[in-house]
Amino acid sequence: MILNAQQLKALRQRNDEELRKGQYAKHGYPAHTIRDLLQTVEAVKKEKKKWQRLASARGKTLEEILSLIEKQNSGSM
């Protein structure tokens, strides 16, 4: 199941409410587990953005290398 940003926000709010209730929270509600999962989701998002930036930088570098090679090849002919 894929959750959009609004669903994640609603889940986070409900979970925060359950965590604030402490001992009066609903019996069996896995608040700490959900909190850990939400933190994992955020960490994965950050990691994805990091890898996207890295891939973009590599792509730009490869384009620069190709243009230099093409210039060198056209100049030597």
Protein backbone atom coordinates (compact mmCIF):
# COMPACT_ATOMS: atom_id res chain seq x y z
CA MET A 1 0.00 0.00 0.00
CA ILE A 2 1.35 3.40 -0.97
CA LEU A 3 0.44 6.38 1.19
CA ASN A 4 0.39 9.91 -0.13
CA ALA A 5 1.62 12.92 1.85
CA GLN A 6 -1.81 13.70 3.32
CA GLN A 7 -2.31 10.13 4.52
CA LEU A 8 1.14 10.08 6.11
CA LYS A 9 0.41 13.39 7.84
CA ALA A 10 -2.94 12.10 9.19
CA LEU A 11 -1.32 8.88 10.41
CA ARG A 12 1.45 10.86 12.11
CA GLN A 13 -1.08 13.13 13.85
CA ARG A 14 -3.21 10.23 15.09
CA ASN A 15 -0.14 8.39 16.28
CA ASP A 16 1.17 11.47 18.09
CA GLU A 17 -2.18 11.75 19.88
CA GLU A 18 -1.95 8.14 21.00
CA LEU A 19 1.61 8.65 22.22
CA ARG A 20 0.53 11.72 24.22
CA LYS A 21 -2.22 9.72 25.93
CA GLY A 22 0.44 7.50 27.47
CA GLN A 23 -1.14 4.84 29.67
CA TYR A 24 -4.62 5.92 28.56
CA ALA A 25 -3.97 5.08 24.91
CA LYS A 26 -6.05 2.45 23.15
CA HIS A 27 -5.03 -1.02 24.23
CA GLY A 28 -3.07 -2.79 21.52
CA TYR A 29 -2.44 0.33 19.42
CA PRO A 30 1.19 -0.01 18.25
CA ALA A 31 2.10 3.66 18.64
CA HIS A 32 5.83 3.11 19.07
CA THR A 33 5.98 0.75 16.10
CA ILE A 34 4.10 3.23 13.91
CA ARG A 35 6.41 6.03 15.06
CA ASP A 36 9.44 3.94 14.11
CA LEU A 37 7.93 3.14 10.70
CA LEU A 38 7.17 6.82 10.04
CA GLN A 39 10.77 7.70 10.92
CA THR A 40 11.95 5.00 8.52
CA VAL A 41 9.76 6.45 5.76
CA GLU A 42 11.28 9.90 6.31
CA ALA A 43 14.80 8.46 6.28
CA VAL A 44 14.10 6.61 3.03
CA LYS A 45 12.76 9.81 1.44
CA LYS A 46 15.93 11.68 2.40
CA GLU A 47 18.09 8.85 1.09
CA LYS A 48 16.15 8.80 -2.20
CA LYS A 49 16.65 12.55 -2.66
CA LYS A 50 20.36 12.15 -1.94
CA TRP A 51 20.72 9.42 -4.58
CA GLN A 52 18.69 11.46 -7.09
CA ARG A 53 21.03 14.43 -6.62
CA LEU A 54 24.04 12.14 -7.00
CA ALA A 55 22.63 10.61 -10.20
CA SER A 56 21.93 14.06 -11.59
CA ALA A 57 25.47 15.21 -10.81
CA ARG A 58 26.90 12.08 -12.44
CA GLY A 59 24.76 12.64 -15.52
CA LYS A 60 26.02 16.22 -15.86
CA THR A 61 29.60 15.09 -15.42
CA LEU A 62 29.21 12.41 -18.08
CA GLU A 63 27.74 14.97 -20.49
CA GLU A 64 30.72 17.25 -19.88
CA ILE A 65 33.15 14.37 -20.48
CA LEU A 66 31.37 13.43 -23.71
CA SER A 67 31.46 17.02 -24.95
CA LEU A 68 35.20 17.23 -24.19
CA ILE A 69 35.82 13.96 -26.04
CA GLU A 70 33.79 15.17 -29.02
CA LYS A 71 35.74 18.45 -29.10
CA GLN A 72 39.03 16.58 -28.92
CA ASN A 73 38.01 14.16 -31.68
CA SER A 74 36.78 16.94 -33.96
CA GLY A 75 39.93 18.97 -33.37
CA SER A 76 42.29 16.10 -34.22
CA MET A 77 40.73 15.41 -37.61
